N, C-alpha and C. Protein backbone atom coordinates (compact mmCIF):
# COMPACT_ATOMS: atom_id res chain seq x y z
N MET A 1 101.30 89.22 101.34
CA MET A 1 100.79 88.93 100.03
C MET A 1 101.47 87.65 99.56
N HIS A 2 100.71 86.85 98.82
CA HIS A 2 101.23 85.61 98.25
C HIS A 2 100.89 85.57 96.76
N PHE A 3 101.79 84.99 95.97
CA PHE A 3 101.62 84.86 94.53
C PHE A 3 101.62 83.40 94.13
N SER A 4 100.86 83.09 93.10
CA SER A 4 100.89 81.76 92.50
C SER A 4 101.00 81.93 90.99
N ASP A 5 101.91 81.21 90.38
CA ASP A 5 102.01 81.25 88.91
C ASP A 5 101.68 79.88 88.31
N ASP A 6 101.05 79.01 89.11
CA ASP A 6 100.64 77.69 88.62
C ASP A 6 99.19 77.38 88.99
N TRP A 7 98.34 78.41 88.89
CA TRP A 7 96.91 78.29 89.14
C TRP A 7 96.59 77.82 90.56
N GLY A 8 97.41 78.26 91.52
CA GLY A 8 97.12 77.99 92.93
C GLY A 8 97.67 76.69 93.49
N LEU A 9 98.45 75.94 92.71
CA LEU A 9 99.04 74.70 93.24
C LEU A 9 100.11 75.00 94.28
N SER A 10 100.86 76.08 94.08
CA SER A 10 101.86 76.49 95.07
C SER A 10 101.83 78.01 95.18
N TRP A 11 102.29 78.52 96.33
CA TRP A 11 102.24 79.95 96.61
C TRP A 11 103.59 80.41 97.14
N VAL A 12 103.97 81.64 96.77
CA VAL A 12 105.22 82.25 97.20
C VAL A 12 104.88 83.55 97.92
N GLU A 13 105.45 83.73 99.10
CA GLU A 13 105.21 84.96 99.87
C GLU A 13 106.05 86.10 99.31
N SER A 14 105.47 87.29 99.26
CA SER A 14 106.16 88.48 98.77
C SER A 14 106.19 89.52 99.88
N GLN A 15 107.31 90.18 100.06
CA GLN A 15 107.47 91.24 101.05
C GLN A 15 107.41 92.59 100.36
N TYR A 16 106.89 93.58 101.04
CA TYR A 16 106.84 94.93 100.47
C TYR A 16 107.00 95.96 101.58
N GLU A 17 107.55 97.09 101.24
CA GLU A 17 107.78 98.17 102.20
C GLU A 17 107.21 99.45 101.64
N PRO A 18 106.84 100.44 102.36
CA PRO A 18 106.92 100.43 103.81
C PRO A 18 105.77 99.63 104.41
N ARG A 19 105.95 99.25 105.62
CA ARG A 19 104.92 98.59 106.41
C ARG A 19 104.42 97.30 105.81
N ASN A 20 105.28 96.31 105.75
CA ASN A 20 104.84 94.98 105.34
C ASN A 20 103.64 94.59 106.20
N TRP A 21 102.70 93.97 105.64
CA TRP A 21 101.45 93.53 106.27
C TRP A 21 100.42 94.65 106.35
N SER A 22 100.64 95.79 105.70
CA SER A 22 99.59 96.80 105.63
C SER A 22 98.51 96.31 104.68
N TYR A 23 97.35 96.92 104.73
CA TYR A 23 96.25 96.51 103.87
C TYR A 23 96.61 96.71 102.40
N ILE A 24 96.27 95.75 101.58
CA ILE A 24 96.42 95.86 100.13
C ILE A 24 95.02 96.09 99.57
N TYR A 25 94.85 97.19 98.86
CA TYR A 25 93.53 97.53 98.33
C TYR A 25 93.33 97.07 96.91
N GLU A 26 94.38 97.07 96.12
CA GLU A 26 94.24 96.71 94.71
C GLU A 26 95.58 96.21 94.19
N LEU A 27 95.54 95.28 93.26
CA LEU A 27 96.74 94.75 92.62
C LEU A 27 96.40 94.47 91.17
N ILE A 28 97.21 95.03 90.25
CA ILE A 28 96.99 94.78 88.82
C ILE A 28 98.31 94.48 88.14
N GLY A 29 98.25 93.78 87.02
CA GLY A 29 99.42 93.51 86.20
C GLY A 29 99.33 94.28 84.90
N ILE A 30 100.44 94.89 84.51
CA ILE A 30 100.52 95.62 83.25
C ILE A 30 101.81 95.19 82.57
N ARG A 31 101.67 94.50 81.47
CA ARG A 31 102.82 93.91 80.77
C ARG A 31 103.64 93.09 81.75
N ASP A 32 104.89 93.48 81.98
CA ASP A 32 105.76 92.70 82.88
C ASP A 32 105.90 93.35 84.26
N GLN A 33 104.96 94.22 84.63
CA GLN A 33 105.02 94.89 85.93
C GLN A 33 103.70 94.72 86.67
N TYR A 34 103.80 94.82 88.00
CA TYR A 34 102.61 94.83 88.85
C TYR A 34 102.54 96.16 89.56
N LEU A 35 101.33 96.65 89.80
CA LEU A 35 101.09 97.82 90.63
C LEU A 35 100.18 97.40 91.78
N MET A 36 100.47 97.91 92.97
CA MET A 36 99.71 97.57 94.15
C MET A 36 99.45 98.84 94.93
N SER A 37 98.22 99.00 95.45
CA SER A 37 97.94 100.14 96.31
C SER A 37 97.75 99.64 97.74
N THR A 38 98.36 100.36 98.67
CA THR A 38 98.21 100.07 100.09
C THR A 38 97.85 101.39 100.78
N ASN A 39 97.68 101.35 102.09
CA ASN A 39 97.38 102.59 102.79
C ASN A 39 98.61 103.50 102.92
N TYR A 40 99.72 103.14 102.29
CA TYR A 40 100.91 103.98 102.27
C TYR A 40 101.25 104.49 100.88
N GLY A 41 100.44 104.14 99.86
CA GLY A 41 100.67 104.65 98.52
C GLY A 41 100.64 103.56 97.45
N ILE A 42 101.33 103.83 96.34
CA ILE A 42 101.38 102.93 95.20
C ILE A 42 102.76 102.29 95.13
N HIS A 43 102.80 100.98 94.97
CA HIS A 43 104.04 100.22 94.87
C HIS A 43 104.11 99.57 93.48
N ARG A 44 105.34 99.35 93.00
CA ARG A 44 105.54 98.72 91.70
C ARG A 44 106.55 97.59 91.83
N SER A 45 106.30 96.50 91.12
CA SER A 45 107.24 95.39 91.05
C SER A 45 107.54 95.09 89.59
N SER A 46 108.81 94.95 89.28
CA SER A 46 109.24 94.60 87.92
C SER A 46 109.78 93.18 87.85
N ASN A 47 109.67 92.44 88.98
CA ASN A 47 110.22 91.08 89.01
C ASN A 47 109.23 90.07 89.58
N LYS A 48 107.99 90.18 89.14
CA LYS A 48 106.92 89.25 89.54
C LYS A 48 106.69 89.22 91.04
N GLY A 49 106.79 90.36 91.69
CA GLY A 49 106.47 90.46 93.11
C GLY A 49 107.56 90.05 94.06
N LYS A 50 108.76 89.78 93.57
CA LYS A 50 109.87 89.41 94.47
C LYS A 50 110.31 90.60 95.31
N SER A 51 110.24 91.78 94.73
CA SER A 51 110.55 93.00 95.49
C SER A 51 109.64 94.11 94.98
N TRP A 52 109.43 95.10 95.85
CA TRP A 52 108.50 96.20 95.55
C TRP A 52 109.18 97.53 95.82
N GLU A 53 108.83 98.52 95.01
CA GLU A 53 109.33 99.88 95.14
C GLU A 53 108.13 100.80 95.38
N LEU A 54 108.21 101.63 96.41
CA LEU A 54 107.15 102.60 96.66
C LEU A 54 107.34 103.75 95.67
N VAL A 55 106.45 103.88 94.70
CA VAL A 55 106.62 104.88 93.64
C VAL A 55 105.77 106.12 93.86
N TYR A 56 104.75 106.04 94.70
CA TYR A 56 103.95 107.21 95.03
C TYR A 56 103.53 107.09 96.49
N ALA A 57 104.22 107.82 97.34
CA ALA A 57 103.96 107.74 98.78
C ALA A 57 102.91 108.76 99.19
N THR A 58 101.85 108.28 99.82
CA THR A 58 100.84 109.17 100.38
C THR A 58 100.08 108.39 101.46
N GLU A 59 99.80 109.07 102.55
CA GLU A 59 98.97 108.49 103.59
C GLU A 59 97.70 109.31 103.77
N SER A 60 97.45 110.24 102.83
CA SER A 60 96.27 111.08 102.95
C SER A 60 95.07 110.54 102.18
N MET A 61 95.30 109.55 101.28
CA MET A 61 94.18 108.99 100.51
C MET A 61 94.49 107.56 100.13
N GLY A 62 93.42 106.82 99.82
CA GLY A 62 93.56 105.46 99.33
C GLY A 62 93.24 105.40 97.85
N PHE A 63 93.91 104.51 97.15
CA PHE A 63 93.67 104.29 95.72
C PHE A 63 92.93 102.97 95.56
N PHE A 64 91.74 103.03 94.98
CA PHE A 64 90.91 101.84 94.82
C PHE A 64 90.60 101.63 93.34
N ASP A 65 90.33 100.40 92.97
CA ASP A 65 89.92 100.06 91.61
C ASP A 65 90.92 100.54 90.57
N LEU A 66 92.18 100.11 90.69
CA LEU A 66 93.17 100.43 89.66
C LEU A 66 92.75 99.78 88.35
N LEU A 67 92.88 100.52 87.26
CA LEU A 67 92.45 100.06 85.95
C LEU A 67 93.45 100.56 84.91
N ALA A 68 93.91 99.67 84.06
CA ALA A 68 94.85 100.04 82.98
C ALA A 68 94.12 99.97 81.64
N ILE A 69 94.14 101.08 80.91
CA ILE A 69 93.57 101.15 79.57
C ILE A 69 94.57 101.85 78.67
N ASP A 70 95.01 101.17 77.62
CA ASP A 70 95.95 101.74 76.66
C ASP A 70 97.17 102.36 77.35
N ASN A 71 97.78 101.64 78.25
CA ASN A 71 98.99 102.05 78.97
C ASN A 71 98.80 103.27 79.87
N THR A 72 97.55 103.59 80.20
CA THR A 72 97.25 104.64 81.16
C THR A 72 96.56 103.99 82.35
N ILE A 73 96.95 104.40 83.56
CA ILE A 73 96.39 103.81 84.78
C ILE A 73 95.41 104.79 85.39
N TYR A 74 94.23 104.30 85.70
CA TYR A 74 93.19 105.10 86.34
C TYR A 74 92.89 104.50 87.71
N SER A 75 92.43 105.36 88.63
CA SER A 75 92.07 104.87 89.95
C SER A 75 91.06 105.81 90.59
N GLY A 76 90.16 105.24 91.35
CA GLY A 76 89.31 106.05 92.21
C GLY A 76 90.05 106.28 93.51
N THR A 77 89.93 107.45 94.08
CA THR A 77 90.62 107.74 95.34
C THR A 77 89.60 108.13 96.41
N ARG A 78 90.02 107.97 97.64
CA ARG A 78 89.19 108.38 98.76
C ARG A 78 90.10 108.95 99.85
N SER A 79 89.75 110.11 100.34
CA SER A 79 90.50 110.73 101.43
C SER A 79 90.28 109.92 102.69
N TRP A 80 91.34 109.66 103.44
CA TRP A 80 91.21 108.91 104.70
C TRP A 80 90.42 109.71 105.72
N ASP A 81 90.39 111.03 105.61
CA ASP A 81 89.68 111.87 106.58
C ASP A 81 88.24 112.13 106.17
N GLU A 82 87.78 111.51 105.12
CA GLU A 82 86.43 111.78 104.61
C GLU A 82 85.35 111.62 105.67
N TYR A 83 85.44 110.57 106.47
CA TYR A 83 84.39 110.32 107.46
C TYR A 83 84.72 110.89 108.82
N ARG A 84 85.98 111.15 109.08
CA ARG A 84 86.38 111.68 110.38
C ARG A 84 85.97 113.14 110.58
N LYS A 85 85.80 113.89 109.50
CA LYS A 85 85.49 115.32 109.60
C LYS A 85 84.02 115.60 109.79
N ARG A 86 83.19 114.58 109.70
CA ARG A 86 81.75 114.81 109.85
C ARG A 86 81.37 114.87 111.32
N ASP A 87 80.40 115.73 111.64
CA ASP A 87 79.92 115.85 113.03
C ASP A 87 78.87 114.79 113.32
């Protein structure tokens, strides 16, 4: 993941764990924090993406379309096994 705070003139790489380079499905900013969903759960950064903390670990579902309304976060989820169980 890369961040720009000057409208794309320069970019800074950000590392996150677990599994750096895993797919990032959604990224939103709420006040002075960022939330990011990957295939390993929900991560939070309080320092503009310099470091990330895994705050909700799950590999059984993905979180898509993160949305913040009045300090409440909403997300659509999808089970990773949704299509694998069909005959």
